[in-house]
Structures are given as structure tokens and as C-alpha cells.
Amino acid sequence: MEQGAGNSADGDVLIVTAVEAERNALLRGLGNGSPFDVLAGGVGPAAAAASAAARMARRRYRLAICAGIGGGFPGRAEVGMLVVADEVAAADLGAEAPEGFLPLERLGFGSSRIRTDAERSDRLAEALRGAGLPVVVGPVLTVSCATGTAETAKARAMRVPGAAAEAMEGFGVAVAAQNMGIPFLEIRAVSNPVGPRNRGAWKIEAALERLAEAGAVIREVFG
């Protein structure tokens, strides 16, 4: 069983990342002995949902957070910034049609968007600003296929007006939390712009360091 910053059996805030590098960055910020259970749940919404749901079935948490690095939409969230989600949107969950993309709502299959806990999201964003960290609040898109072209970036930004960031796990964790009646947040450190894929220009290590800084603030707000 993975351990969080302290013993996971004692944790009452679940934080789900995709990979170990994100988990380790958060643990640096959270410090030893803090009441957080930090889980690297896997890449993509399905893995994240399954991992989060399995963890939630073992104990009751007072808060679930999806955290990691991600892409930022230019003009909304630049590289090096933090994004606190006010909602998560499953941006590529739906169907293609001659008239364009049809989200779940148009298909009559439910909702592709989940609001985060407004009070806690606002409190976290304010604390991040108070710590001198650059932060924007807005929708975070969850995708199964990361954006790699300007055309896709434009289409997704139009689909979710005000979109600030893109990642691959938030909606999955949000569904698991919603099903268990647990408040949910998402926070992302921006490592690259959403758009044409240019792996060489990504600032992965800087984004992980920013995530660690955010972890220290998360500890102060929710510890």
C-alpha cells in the first residue's frame, strides 16, 4: 500500500496524481507527518477514477484533490502558473457528427462537466496568491488524447469558454468523489502551452517545483 506524507490510514484528504514524479513533488511540499494520502493513480481518466474509487472505498475522506502538471491555454494560463479549477470538463467525451462534436449533454447521456467545491477552491486560490504564487481560476479540461495541434486547441477552447488548462485525470477523480459525496478540487502547474506539440520546450522540472510550492500551501489550507 502506498503511503502519503504520513500514514495513509490516518489521512483524511486524498490527493490523486497521475505519476510518481507528481506525487513526489507534492510530498516535498506537504512535508512529513501531514494528514494527506497521496496516490499516483495512473494516467488518464479511467485509471484515475478506478484508483480513486478503490481508495475511497477503504475509508472516508473529507476532501479529494486531483493534482499534477498540465498544459495551459495561452492567454489564460502561461507556463509556470498554477491553475485552480472551478469546474472540470471531459472535453473529448462524446461523439463526432457532421455538424461537429457532440458532448454528452447533446447526446442525452448526462453531463460532461463537474463543478469543484467553490468555497474550498476560492480559499486555495487566495492562499496561493497570498504566498506570492501566480494562479488563475478557471475550467480545467480532462482529455484522453492530449492536444497536439493549434486546430484542436482552438476547438477545445471554444467548446469550453474560458478554459484555463488541460490534463488527463481530473474528470475521473471528480466522478469518483461525486459518487461518494466527497468535495473535489483540481490544481495544475502549467508545464507547456496547449497547442502544437513541442516536447523540447516543456518545462517539466519547473512545473514540478511549482507543484511542490503549491503542496506547501495545500498543507497550510487543508492540513
Foldseek 3Di string as FASTA:
>chain_A
DDAALERQVQAQEEEEEQDPLLRVLLSLQLHHPFRYGYYNQHFFAVSLLVSLLVSCVVDHHQEYEYEEAFAWAPPQADAQAKEKEQKEFQQQDADADPVGGDHCVNVVNDGRMDGADVVLSVVLVVLCVVVVGHYGYYYEYAYPDAAAAQVVSVVSCVVGPSHTTYGGHQVNNVVSCVVVVHGYIYMHRHQYHRHHDDPVRGRRVSSSNSSSNSSNSCSVSPD
